Amino acid sequence: MASVSRDLGAGETRRRPFWTNRRKEAAIGIAFAAPEFLGIVLLGVFPLFFSLYLSFTEWNLVGGLKAIRFVGLDNYVALFQDKTFYLSLKNNLVYTIITVPVSMFIGFVFAVLIHSKVYLRDYFKVVFFIPYIATTVAVATVFSALFHPSSGPVNNLLMSLGIADPPRWLGSTDFALWAIIIVAVWQGIGYNIVIYLAGLTTIPEDLYEAAEIDGASWLQRFYRITLPMLGPTTFFLSITAIVASFKVFDLVAFLTEGGPNNSTNVLVYYIFEEGFQNFRMGYASALSWMLFLIIAVVTAVTWKAQKKQF
């Protein structure tokens, strides 16, 4: 029997087991990654392409999947004829153009002061960061009381300064959007301060010492060292702030619900209205993809400007 086994071994190769160590490790890795992959597909990839398909359909959400009807480019044609869409886009642009640079500038100034002149830096970091981590509903509740037209502290202060007829703020078509902008700037300053402080700590002190030895003034050191070294930080904040400003929803939903007379309606809230109040999911999907294209164009322009500058 031993001689037969030796003869078979000489003429045939031994069959390797299927579950080698390498395949076992690969199977374990796939098992761990599968839930995350399925989550991405079901909650990210599928809704993305389904919304693109819906943008070419007419679908009343109440009617179920059987109510989906293909209409081609009708939603996009109607979108470019929609006055509410243009008004929401204008409000969004005003909100972005004001909140992004103002909150970044104030955050930068406070970050420089805290980094160079103020004791108890860690304490001030926490104090300024609290509004950012606070829930938007809580912040909006506080400011809705502050902006109350008759008994709010803001208007009481204005009347004490001699303004007999202060604005109605959230109830005025002229001031409601400005009130939301004020809240957004106040809430976002802390985040900008923390990020700018992180950027300031990465600037080597040797650069400032060498410039001071060469006779550079504080203003020259600021323009020649601080600002250029903070270029990547500023770019990061500008990109994230622009994208976030086009996604503003919670402040508008809680404070004004897009009113009065659509004066504070923005793109995301308009998408919400069309999709979940008017049940026009096809048109809401078309609005969503138009918002995606707007954000992509703005981001690309900002990225190109950053590459030229830095």
C-alpha atoms as a PDB file:
ATOM      1  CA  MET A   1       0.000   0.000   0.000  1.00  0.00           C
ATOM      2  CA  ALA A   2       2.828   2.384   0.770  1.00  0.00           C
ATOM      3  CA  SER A   3       4.395   1.758  -2.641  1.00  0.00           C
ATOM      4  CA  VAL A   4       1.047   2.457  -4.388  1.00  0.00           C
ATOM      5  CA  SER A   5       0.681   5.773  -2.540  1.00  0.00           C
ATOM      6  CA  ARG A   6       4.181   6.766  -3.520  1.00  0.00           C
ATOM      7  CA  ASP A   7       3.473   5.904  -7.161  1.00  0.00           C
ATOM      8  CA  LEU A   8       0.260   8.017  -7.199  1.00  0.00           C
ATOM      9  CA  GLY A   9       2.099  10.887  -5.591  1.00  0.00           C
ATOM     10  CA  ALA A  10       4.787  10.764  -8.223  1.00  0.00           C
ATOM     11  CA  GLY A  11       2.309  10.908 -11.113  1.00  0.00           C
ATOM     12  CA  GLU A  12      -0.296  13.309  -9.744  1.00  0.00           C
ATOM     13  CA  THR A  13      -0.195  16.652  -7.965  1.00  0.00           C
ATOM     14  CA  ARG A  14      -1.786  16.863  -4.562  1.00  0.00           C
ATOM     15  CA  ARG A  15      -5.147  18.692  -4.630  1.00  0.00           C
ATOM     16  CA  ARG A  16      -5.036  21.931  -2.575  1.00  0.00           C
ATOM     17  CA  PRO A  17      -7.938  22.635  -0.191  1.00  0.00           C
ATOM     18  CA  PHE A  18     -10.392  25.320  -1.380  1.00  0.00           C
ATOM     19  CA  TRP A  19     -10.417  27.310   1.867  1.00  0.00           C
ATOM     20  CA  THR A  20      -6.832  28.461   2.015  1.00  0.00           C
ATOM     21  CA  ASN A  21      -5.747  31.022   4.587  1.00  0.00           C
ATOM     22  CA  ARG A  22      -5.791  33.739   1.948  1.00  0.00           C
ATOM     23  CA  ARG A  23      -9.361  32.950   0.901  1.00  0.00           C
ATOM     24  CA  LYS A  24     -10.495  32.784   4.508  1.00  0.00           C
ATOM     25  CA  GLU A  25      -9.061  36.248   5.181  1.00  0.00           C
ATOM     26  CA  ALA A  26     -10.734  37.588   2.027  1.00  0.00           C
ATOM     27  CA  ALA A  27     -14.087  36.070   3.025  1.00  0.00           C
ATOM     28  CA  ILE A  28     -13.855  37.577   6.509  1.00  0.00           C
ATOM     29  CA  GLY A  29     -13.041  40.973   5.014  1.00  0.00           C
ATOM     30  CA  ILE A  30     -15.992  40.771   2.614  1.00  0.00           C
ATOM     31  CA  ALA A  31     -18.298  39.752   5.479  1.00  0.00           C
ATOM     32  CA  PHE A  32     -17.254  42.796   7.506  1.00  0.00           C
ATOM     33  CA  ALA A  33     -17.509  45.186   4.535  1.00  0.00           C
ATOM     34  CA  ALA A  34     -20.799  43.827   3.160  1.00  0.00           C
ATOM     35  CA  PRO A  35     -23.177  45.664   5.578  1.00  0.00           C
ATOM     36  CA  GLU A  36     -21.466  48.997   4.900  1.00  0.00           C
ATOM     37  CA  PHE A  37     -21.481  48.365   1.151  1.00  0.00           C
ATOM     38  CA  LEU A  38     -25.169  47.415   1.182  1.00  0.00           C
ATOM     39  CA  GLY A  39     -25.945  50.516   3.257  1.00  0.00           C
ATOM     40  CA  ILE A  40     -24.181  52.746   0.733  1.00  0.00           C
ATOM     41  CA  VAL A  41     -26.010  51.117  -2.164  1.00  0.00           C
ATOM     42  CA  LEU A  42     -29.465  51.174  -0.553  1.00  0.00           C
ATOM     43  CA  LEU A  43     -29.228  54.592   1.121  1.00  0.00           C
ATOM     44  CA  GLY A  44     -26.912  56.416  -1.281  1.00  0.00           C
ATOM     45  CA  VAL A  45     -26.466  55.025  -4.774  1.00  0.00           C
ATOM     46  CA  PHE A  46     -30.009  53.742  -5.347  1.00  0.00           C
ATOM     47  CA  PRO A  47     -31.785  56.945  -4.150  1.00  0.00           C
ATOM     48  CA  LEU A  48     -29.379  58.997  -6.302  1.00  0.00           C
ATOM     49  CA  PHE A  49     -30.222  57.234  -9.549  1.00  0.00           C
ATOM     50  CA  PHE A  50     -33.880  56.780  -8.614  1.00  0.00           C
ATOM     51  CA  SER A  51     -34.210  60.546  -8.070  1.00  0.00           C
ATOM     52  CA  LEU A  52     -32.588  61.127 -11.477  1.00  0.00           C
ATOM     53  CA  TYR A  53     -35.185  58.841 -13.036  1.00  0.00           C
ATOM     54  CA  LEU A  54     -37.989  60.529 -11.109  1.00  0.00           C
ATOM     55  CA  SER A  55     -36.912  63.924 -12.423  1.00  0.00           C
ATOM     56  CA  PHE A  56     -38.175  62.786 -15.839  1.00  0.00           C
ATOM     57  CA  THR A  57     -41.503  61.576 -14.476  1.00  0.00           C
ATOM     58  CA  GLU A  58     -44.696  62.872 -12.953  1.00  0.00           C
ATOM     59  CA  TRP A  59     -45.439  61.121  -9.670  1.00  0.00           C
ATOM     60  CA  ASN A  60     -47.948  61.879  -6.987  1.00  0.00           C
ATOM     61  CA  LEU A  61     -46.433  60.314  -3.874  1.00  0.00           C
ATOM     62  CA  VAL A  62     -49.858  59.349  -2.528  1.00  0.00           C
ATOM     63  CA  GLY A  63     -50.585  57.168  -5.576  1.00  0.00           C
ATOM     64  CA  GLY A  64     -47.743  54.727  -4.937  1.00  0.00           C
ATOM     65  CA  LEU A  65     -45.234  53.391  -7.456  1.00  0.00           C
ATOM     66  CA  LYS A  66     -47.991  52.588  -9.965  1.00  0.00           C
ATOM     67  CA  ALA A  67     -48.682  56.317 -10.346  1.00  0.00           C
ATOM     68  CA  ILE A  68     -45.241  57.048 -11.856  1.00  0.00           C
ATOM     69  CA  ARG A  69     -45.634  58.390 -15.409  1.00  0.00           C
ATOM     70  CA  PHE A  70     -42.718  59.289 -17.698  1.00  0.00           C
ATOM     71  CA  VAL A  71     -42.935  62.870 -19.017  1.00  0.00           C
ATOM     72  CA  GLY A  72     -39.450  63.463 -20.422  1.00  0.00           C
ATOM     73  CA  LEU A  73     -38.057  66.974 -19.942  1.00  0.00           C
ATOM     74  CA  ASP A  74     -41.364  68.538 -18.899  1.00  0.00           C
ATOM     75  CA  ASN A  75     -40.231  69.046 -15.298  1.00  0.00           C
ATOM     76  CA  TYR A  76     -37.076  70.882 -16.381  1.00  0.00           C
ATOM     77  CA  VAL A  77     -39.019  73.036 -18.832  1.00  0.00           C
ATOM     78  CA  ALA A  78     -41.502  73.923 -16.070  1.00  0.00           C
ATOM     79  CA  LEU A  79     -38.612  74.612 -13.688  1.00  0.00           C
ATOM     80  CA  PHE A  80     -37.188  77.351 -15.919  1.00  0.00           C
ATOM     81  CA  GLN A  81     -40.639  78.942 -16.093  1.00  0.00           C
ATOM     82  CA  ASP A  82     -41.235  78.777 -12.339  1.00  0.00           C
ATOM     83  CA  LYS A  83     -41.124  82.181 -10.634  1.00  0.00           C
ATOM     84  CA  THR A  84     -40.915  80.582  -7.190  1.00  0.00           C
ATOM     85  CA  PHE A  85     -37.787  78.699  -8.264  1.00  0.00           C
ATOM     86  CA  TYR A  86     -36.086  81.933  -9.343  1.00  0.00           C
ATOM     87  CA  LEU A  87     -37.148  83.652  -6.134  1.00  0.00           C
ATOM     88  CA  SER A  88     -35.822  80.752  -4.038  1.00  0.00           C
ATOM     89  CA  LEU A  89     -32.560  80.799  -5.993  1.00  0.00           C
ATOM     90  CA  LYS A  90     -32.215  84.546  -5.466  1.00  0.00           C
ATOM     91  CA  ASN A  91     -32.844  84.185  -1.716  1.00  0.00           C
ATOM     92  CA  ASN A  92     -30.289  81.363  -1.580  1.00  0.00           C
ATOM     93  CA  LEU A  93     -27.681  83.443  -3.387  1.00  0.00           C
ATOM     94  CA  VAL A  94     -28.243  86.431  -1.093  1.00  0.00           C
ATOM     95  CA  TYR A  95     -27.991  84.148   1.925  1.00  0.00           C
ATOM     96  CA  THR A  96     -24.755  82.586   0.624  1.00  0.00           C
ATOM     97  CA  ILE A  97     -23.096  85.825  -0.501  1.00  0.00           C
ATOM     98  CA  ILE A  98     -23.631  87.411   2.916  1.00  0.00           C
ATOM     99  CA  THR A  99     -23.310  84.581   5.430  1.00  0.00           C
ATOM    100  CA  VAL A 100     -20.183  82.915   4.014  1.00  0.00           C
ATOM    101  CA  PRO A 101     -17.775  85.898   3.882  1.00  0.00           C
ATOM    102  CA  VAL A 102     -19.180  87.641   6.967  1.00  0.00           C
ATOM    103  CA  SER A 103     -18.997  84.579   9.228  1.00  0.00           C
ATOM    104  CA  MET A 104     -15.534  83.707   7.901  1.00  0.00           C
ATOM    105  CA  PHE A 105     -14.230  87.252   8.382  1.00  0.00           C
ATOM    106  CA  ILE A 106     -15.568  87.556  11.937  1.00  0.00           C
ATOM    107  CA  GLY A 107     -14.289  84.074  12.774  1.00  0.00           C
ATOM    108  CA  PHE A 108     -10.851  84.952  11.367  1.00  0.00           C
ATOM    109  CA  VAL A 109     -10.613  88.182  13.379  1.00  0.00           C
ATOM    110  CA  PHE A 110     -11.602  86.461  16.619  1.00  0.00           C
ATOM    111  CA  ALA A 111      -9.228  83.558  15.915  1.00  0.00           C
ATOM    112  CA  VAL A 112      -6.279  85.936  15.447  1.00  0.00           C
ATOM    113  CA  LEU A 113      -7.145  87.826  18.635  1.00  0.00           C
ATOM    114  CA  ILE A 114      -7.574  84.653  20.687  1.00  0.00           C
ATOM    115  CA  HIS A 115      -4.382  83.154  19.300  1.00  0.00           C
ATOM    116  CA  SER A 116      -2.189  86.173  20.000  1.00  0.00           C
ATOM    117  CA  LYS A 117      -3.670  88.398  22.681  1.00  0.00           C
ATOM    118  CA  VAL A 118      -6.169  86.560  24.857  1.00  0.00           C
ATOM    119  CA  TYR A 119      -5.587  84.430  27.934  1.00  0.00           C
ATOM    120  CA  LEU A 120      -7.706  81.328  28.596  1.00  0.00           C
ATOM    121  CA  ARG A 121      -7.809  80.385  24.913  1.00  0.00           C
ATOM    122  CA  ASP A 122      -9.338  76.977  25.509  1.00  0.00           C
ATOM    123  CA  TYR A 123     -12.181  78.562  27.460  1.00  0.00           C
ATOM    124  CA  PHE A 124     -13.009  80.962  24.629  1.00  0.00           C
ATOM    125  CA  LYS A 125     -12.823  78.151  22.078  1.00  0.00           C
ATOM    126  CA  VAL A 126     -15.551  76.298  23.952  1.00  0.00           C
ATOM    127  CA  VAL A 127     -17.664  79.420  24.498  1.00  0.00           C
ATOM    128  CA  PHE A 128     -17.660  80.389  20.818  1.00  0.00           C
ATOM    129  CA  PHE A 129     -18.176  76.802  19.656  1.00  0.00           C
ATOM    130  CA  ILE A 130     -21.285  76.158  21.766  1.00  0.00           C
ATOM    131  CA  PRO A 131     -23.726  77.882  19.321  1.00  0.00           C
ATOM    132  CA  TYR A 132     -22.436  75.705  16.494  1.00  0.00           C
ATOM    133  CA  ILE A 133     -22.991  72.425  18.319  1.00  0.00           C
ATOM    134  CA  ALA A 134     -26.324  73.545  19.790  1.00  0.00           C
ATOM    135  CA  THR A 135     -29.384  72.158  18.018  1.00  0.00           C
ATOM    136  CA  THR A 136     -30.789  74.473  15.388  1.00  0.00           C
ATOM    137  CA  VAL A 137     -34.264  74.159  16.866  1.00  0.00           C
ATOM    138  CA  ALA A 138     -33.009  75.478  20.215  1.00  0.00           C
ATOM    139  CA  VAL A 139     -31.165  78.348  18.523  1.00  0.00           C
ATOM    140  CA  ALA A 140     -34.184  79.216  16.376  1.00  0.00           C
ATOM    141  CA  THR A 141     -36.466  79.136  19.436  1.00  0.00           C
ATOM    142  CA  VAL A 142     -34.267  81.649  21.247  1.00  0.00           C
ATOM    143  CA  PHE A 143     -34.041  83.989  18.265  1.00  0.00           C
ATOM    144  CA  SER A 144     -37.760  83.782  17.521  1.00  0.00           C
ATOM    145  CA  ALA A 145     -38.285  85.220  21.011  1.00  0.00           C
ATOM    146  CA  LEU A 146     -35.532  87.822  20.518  1.00  0.00           C
ATOM    147  CA  PHE A 147     -37.060  88.973  17.217  1.00  0.00           C
ATOM    148  CA  HIS A 148     -40.626  89.178  18.531  1.00  0.00           C
ATOM    149  CA  PRO A 149     -42.074  92.376  17.006  1.00  0.00           C
ATOM    150  CA  SER A 150     -43.661  93.783  20.182  1.00  0.00           C
ATOM    151  CA  SER A 151     -42.063  92.178  23.232  1.00  0.00           C
ATOM    152  CA  GLY A 152     -38.731  90.982  21.854  1.00  0.00           C
ATOM    153  CA  PRO A 153     -35.508  92.388  23.378  1.00  0.00           C
ATOM    154  CA  VAL A 154     -34.184  93.422  19.945  1.00  0.00           C
ATOM    155  CA  ASN A 155     -37.077  95.740  19.145  1.00  0.00           C
ATOM    156  CA  ASN A 156     -37.225  96.989  22.734  1.00  0.00           C
ATOM    157  CA  LEU A 157     -33.585  98.013  22.403  1.00  0.00           C
ATOM    158  CA  LEU A 158     -34.243  99.726  19.078  1.00  0.00           C
ATOM    159  CA  MET A 159     -37.199 101.635  20.538  1.00  0.00           C
ATOM    160  CA  SER A 160     -35.081 102.720  23.493  1.00  0.00           C
ATOM    161  CA  LEU A 161     -32.591 104.122  20.965  1.00  0.00           C
ATOM    162  CA  GLY A 162     -35.304 106.270  19.409  1.00  0.00           C
ATOM    163  CA  ILE A 163     -36.589 104.061  16.585  1.00  0.00           C
ATOM    164  CA  ALA A 164     -40.346 104.420  16.943  1.00  0.00           C
ATOM    165  CA  ASP A 165     -41.310 101.798  14.370  1.00  0.00           C
ATOM    166  CA  PRO A 166     -38.734  98.969  14.438  1.00  0.00           C
ATOM    167  CA  PRO A 167     -38.964  96.188  11.836  1.00  0.00           C
ATOM    168  CA  ARG A 168     -41.229  93.215  12.379  1.00  0.00           C
ATOM    169  CA  TRP A 169     -38.284  90.961  11.478  1.00  0.00           C
ATOM    170  CA  LEU A 170     -39.659  87.447  10.900  1.00  0.00           C
ATOM    171  CA  GLY A 171     -43.056  88.834   9.918  1.00  0.00           C
ATOM    172  CA  SER A 172     -41.720  91.303   7.351  1.00  0.00           C
ATOM    173  CA  THR A 173     -40.967  90.529   3.708  1.00  0.00           C
ATOM    174  CA  ASP A 174     -38.105  93.048   3.836  1.00  0.00           C
ATOM    175  CA  PHE A 175     -36.386  91.843   7.021  1.00  0.00           C
ATOM    176  CA  ALA A 176     -37.242  88.140   7.452  1.00  0.00           C
ATOM    177  CA  LEU A 177     -34.337  86.919   5.309  1.00  0.00           C
ATOM    178  CA  TRP A 178     -31.967  89.302   7.104  1.00  0.00           C
ATOM    179  CA  ALA A 179     -33.088  87.895  10.434  1.00  0.00           C
ATOM    180  CA  ILE A 180     -32.271  84.356   9.263  1.00  0.00           C
ATOM    181  CA  ILE A 181     -28.886  85.567   7.981  1.00  0.00           C
ATOM    182  CA  ILE A 182     -28.100  87.099  11.387  1.00  0.00           C
ATOM    183  CA  VAL A 183     -28.905  83.823  13.136  1.00  0.00           C
ATOM    184  CA  ALA A 184     -26.833  81.799  10.643  1.00  0.00           C
ATOM    185  CA  VAL A 185     -23.804  84.091  10.982  1.00  0.00           C
ATOM    186  CA  TRP A 186     -23.986  84.002  14.776  1.00  0.00           C
ATOM    187  CA  GLN A 187     -24.254  80.224  14.792  1.00  0.00           C
ATOM    188  CA  GLY A 188     -21.414  79.633  12.333  1.00  0.00           C
ATOM    189  CA  ILE A 189     -18.771  81.943  13.817  1.00  0.00           C
ATOM    190  CA  GLY A 190     -17.588  79.405  16.389  1.00  0.00           C
ATOM    191  CA  TYR A 191     -16.791  76.759  13.786  1.00  0.00           C
ATOM    192  CA  ASN A 192     -14.727  79.223  11.757  1.00  0.00           C
ATOM    193  CA  ILE A 193     -12.852  80.324  14.883  1.00  0.00           C
ATOM    194  CA  VAL A 194     -11.877  76.774  15.802  1.00  0.00           C
ATOM    195  CA  ILE A 195     -10.720  75.906  12.270  1.00  0.00           C
ATOM    196  CA  TYR A 196      -8.743  79.134  11.905  1.00  0.00           C
ATOM    197  CA  LEU A 197      -7.142  78.593  15.311  1.00  0.00           C
ATOM    198  CA  ALA A 198      -6.049  75.142  14.160  1.00  0.00           C
ATOM    199  CA  GLY A 199      -4.532  76.715  11.066  1.00  0.00           C
ATOM    200  CA  LEU A 200      -2.741  79.413  13.072  1.00  0.00           C
ATOM    201  CA  THR A 201      -1.103  76.840  15.331  1.00  0.00           C
ATOM    202  CA  THR A 202       0.509  75.154  12.297  1.00  0.00           C
ATOM    203  CA  ILE A 203       2.400  78.307  11.249  1.00  0.00           C
ATOM    204  CA  PRO A 204       6.027  78.012  12.458  1.00  0.00           C
ATOM    205  CA  GLU A 205       7.059  80.700  14.918  1.00  0.00           C
ATOM    206  CA  ASP A 206      10.474  80.793  13.234  1.00  0.00           C
ATOM    207  CA  LEU A 207       8.931  82.623  10.279  1.00  0.00           C
ATOM    208  CA  TYR A 208       7.653  85.430  12.501  1.00  0.00           C
ATOM    209  CA  GLU A 209      10.954  85.653  14.383  1.00  0.00           C
ATOM    210  CA  ALA A 210      12.973  85.851  11.161  1.00  0.00           C
ATOM    211  CA  ALA A 211      10.647  88.510   9.740  1.00  0.00           C
ATOM    212  CA  GLU A 212      10.862  90.526  12.961  1.00  0.00           C
ATOM    213  CA  ILE A 213      14.657  90.387  12.867  1.00  0.00           C
ATOM    214  CA  ASP A 214      14.541  91.656   9.275  1.00  0.00           C
ATOM    215  CA  GLY A 215      12.549  94.648  10.491  1.00  0.00           C
ATOM    216  CA  ALA A 216       9.067  93.651   9.278  1.00  0.00           C
ATOM    217  CA  SER A 217       6.204  95.334  11.111  1.00  0.00           C
ATOM    218  CA  TRP A 218       3.245  93.465  12.590  1.00  0.00           C
ATOM    219  CA  LEU A 219       1.108  94.402   9.595  1.00  0.00           C
ATOM    220  CA  GLN A 220       3.761  93.190   7.146  1.00  0.00           C
ATOM    221  CA  ARG A 221       4.119  89.898   9.014  1.00  0.00           C
ATOM    222  CA  PHE A 222       0.357  89.522   8.939  1.00  0.00           C
ATOM    223  CA  TYR A 223       0.053  90.060   5.165  1.00  0.00           C
ATOM    224  CA  ARG A 224       3.246  88.237   4.177  1.00  0.00           C
ATOM    225  CA  ILE A 225       3.067  85.244   6.510  1.00  0.00           C
ATOM    226  CA  THR A 226      -0.300  84.762   8.233  1.00  0.00           C
ATOM    227  CA  LEU A 227      -2.640  85.268   5.284  1.00  0.00           C
ATOM    228  CA  PRO A 228      -0.693  83.155   2.752  1.00  0.00           C
ATOM    229  CA  MET A 229      -0.158  80.331   5.254  1.00  0.00           C
ATOM    230  CA  LEU A 230      -3.876  80.281   6.026  1.00  0.00           C
ATOM    231  CA  GLY A 231      -4.787  80.009   2.338  1.00  0.00           C
ATOM    232  CA  PRO A 232      -5.649  76.269   2.415  1.00  0.00           C
ATOM    233  CA  THR A 233      -7.672  76.767   5.619  1.00  0.00           C
ATOM    234  CA  THR A 234      -9.626  79.613   4.036  1.00  0.00           C
ATOM    235  CA  PHE A 235     -10.274  77.523   0.937  1.00  0.00           C
ATOM    236  CA  PHE A 236     -11.539  74.596   3.015  1.00  0.00           C
ATOM    237  CA  LEU A 237     -13.877  76.844   5.002  1.00  0.00           C
ATOM    238  CA  SER A 238     -15.174  78.608   1.902  1.00  0.00           C
ATOM    239  CA  ILE A 239     -16.015  75.356   0.106  1.00  0.00           C
ATOM    240  CA  THR A 240     -17.749  73.773   3.104  1.00  0.00           C
ATOM    241  CA  ALA A 241     -19.587  77.013   3.941  1.00  0.00           C
ATOM    242  CA  ILE A 242     -20.855  77.496   0.385  1.00  0.00           C
ATOM    243  CA  VAL A 243     -22.158  73.933   0.174  1.00  0.00           C
ATOM    244  CA  ALA A 244     -23.774  74.242   3.617  1.00  0.00           C
ATOM    245  CA  SER A 245     -25.388  77.576   2.705  1.00  0.00           C
ATOM    246  CA  PHE A 246     -27.102  76.019  -0.304  1.00  0.00           C
ATOM    247  CA  LYS A 247     -28.437  73.258   1.948  1.00  0.00           C
ATOM    248  CA  VAL A 248     -29.961  75.565   4.559  1.00  0.00           C
ATOM    249  CA  PHE A 249     -33.329  74.213   5.617  1.00  0.00           C
ATOM    250  CA  ASP A 250     -33.849  73.946   9.369  1.00  0.00           C
ATOM    251  CA  LEU A 251     -33.651  77.666  10.188  1.00  0.00           C
ATOM    252  CA  VAL A 252     -36.092  78.513   7.413  1.00  0.00           C
ATOM    253  CA  ALA A 253     -38.452  75.668   8.315  1.00  0.00           C
ATOM    254  CA  PHE A 254     -38.628  76.613  11.987  1.00  0.00           C
ATOM    255  CA  LEU A 255     -38.515  80.417  11.857  1.00  0.00           C
ATOM    256  CA  THR A 256     -40.553  81.373   8.773  1.00  0.00           C
ATOM    257  CA  GLU A 257     -41.597  78.263   6.777  1.00  0.00           C
ATOM    258  CA  GLY A 258     -40.459  80.117   3.663  1.00  0.00           C
ATOM    259  CA  GLY A 259     -42.657  83.139   4.312  1.00  0.00           C
ATOM    260  CA  PRO A 260     -43.885  85.724   4.452  1.00  0.00           C
ATOM    261  CA  ASN A 261     -44.870  85.631   0.779  1.00  0.00           C
ATOM    262  CA  ASN A 262     -41.887  83.368  -0.109  1.00  0.00           C
ATOM    263  CA  SER A 263     -39.440  86.082   0.955  1.00  0.00           C
ATOM    264  CA  THR A 264     -37.312  83.509   2.823  1.00  0.00           C
ATOM    265  CA  ASN A 265     -37.967  80.489   0.640  1.00  0.00           C
ATOM    266  CA  VAL A 266     -34.741  78.757  -0.387  1.00  0.00           C
ATOM    267  CA  LEU A 267     -34.059  75.876  -2.747  1.00  0.00           C
ATOM    268  CA  VAL A 268     -33.996  73.011  -0.244  1.00  0.00           C
ATOM    269  CA  TYR A 269     -37.164  74.213   1.480  1.00  0.00           C
ATOM    270  CA  TYR A 270     -38.857  74.620  -1.906  1.00  0.00           C
ATOM    271  CA  ILE A 271     -37.869  71.034  -2.747  1.00  0.00           C
ATOM    272  CA  PHE A 272     -39.408  69.938   0.550  1.00  0.00           C
ATOM    273  CA  GLU A 273     -42.622  71.826  -0.213  1.00  0.00           C
ATOM    274  CA  GLU A 274     -43.001  70.350  -3.687  1.00  0.00           C
ATOM    275  CA  GLY A 275     -42.109  66.815  -2.657  1.00  0.00           C
ATOM    276  CA  PHE A 276     -43.703  66.336   0.757  1.00  0.00           C
ATOM    277  CA  GLN A 277     -46.446  68.955   0.889  1.00  0.00           C
ATOM    278  CA  ASN A 278     -47.618  69.097  -2.730  1.00  0.00           C
ATOM    279  CA  PHE A 279     -46.550  65.457  -3.360  1.00  0.00           C
ATOM    280  CA  ARG A 280     -44.941  66.347  -6.721  1.00  0.00           C
ATOM    281  CA  MET A 281     -41.974  64.021  -6.376  1.00  0.00           C
ATOM    282  CA  GLY A 282     -40.966  64.247 -10.030  1.00  0.00           C
ATOM    283  CA  TYR A 283     -40.757  68.024  -9.963  1.00  0.00           C
ATOM    284  CA  ALA A 284     -39.009  67.958  -6.575  1.00  0.00           C
ATOM    285  CA  SER A 285     -36.411  65.556  -8.018  1.00  0.00           C
ATOM    286  CA  ALA A 286     -35.793  67.914 -10.936  1.00  0.00           C
ATOM    287  CA  LEU A 287     -35.284  70.754  -8.456  1.00  0.00           C
ATOM    288  CA  SER A 288     -32.853  68.576  -6.497  1.00  0.00           C
ATOM    289  CA  TRP A 289     -30.725  67.868  -9.557  1.00  0.00           C
ATOM    290  CA  MET A 290     -30.722  71.520 -10.515  1.00  0.00           C
ATOM    291  CA  LEU A 291     -29.469  72.322  -7.013  1.00  0.00           C
ATOM    292  CA  PHE A 292     -26.771  69.679  -7.457  1.00  0.00           C
ATOM    293  CA  LEU A 293     -25.625  71.303 -10.703  1.00  0.00           C
ATOM    294  CA  ILE A 294     -25.543  74.757  -9.104  1.00  0.00           C
ATOM    295  CA  ILE A 295     -23.415  73.522  -6.196  1.00  0.00           C
ATOM    296  CA  ALA A 296     -21.104  71.656  -8.598  1.00  0.00           C
ATOM    297  CA  VAL A 297     -20.558  74.784 -10.727  1.00  0.00           C
ATOM    298  CA  VAL A 298     -19.945  77.027  -7.708  1.00  0.00           C
ATOM    299  CA  THR A 299     -17.524  74.492  -6.211  1.00  0.00           C
ATOM    300  CA  ALA A 300     -15.636  74.139  -9.505  1.00  0.00           C
ATOM    301  CA  VAL A 301     -15.306  77.914  -9.878  1.00  0.00           C
ATOM    302  CA  THR A 302     -14.090  78.262  -6.286  1.00  0.00           C
ATOM    303  CA  TRP A 303     -11.612  75.412  -6.761  1.00  0.00           C
ATOM    304  CA  LYS A 304     -10.188  76.997  -9.917  1.00  0.00           C
ATOM    305  CA  ALA A 305      -9.852  80.390  -8.233  1.00  0.00           C
ATOM    306  CA  GLN A 306      -8.070  78.741  -5.291  1.00  0.00           C
ATOM    307  CA  LYS A 307      -5.560  77.002  -7.585  1.00  0.00           C
ATOM    308  CA  LYS A 308      -4.707  80.313  -9.271  1.00  0.00           C
ATOM    309  CA  GLN A 309      -4.328  82.143  -5.980  1.00  0.00           C
ATOM    310  CA  PHE A 310      -2.388  79.563  -3.966  1.00  0.00           C
END
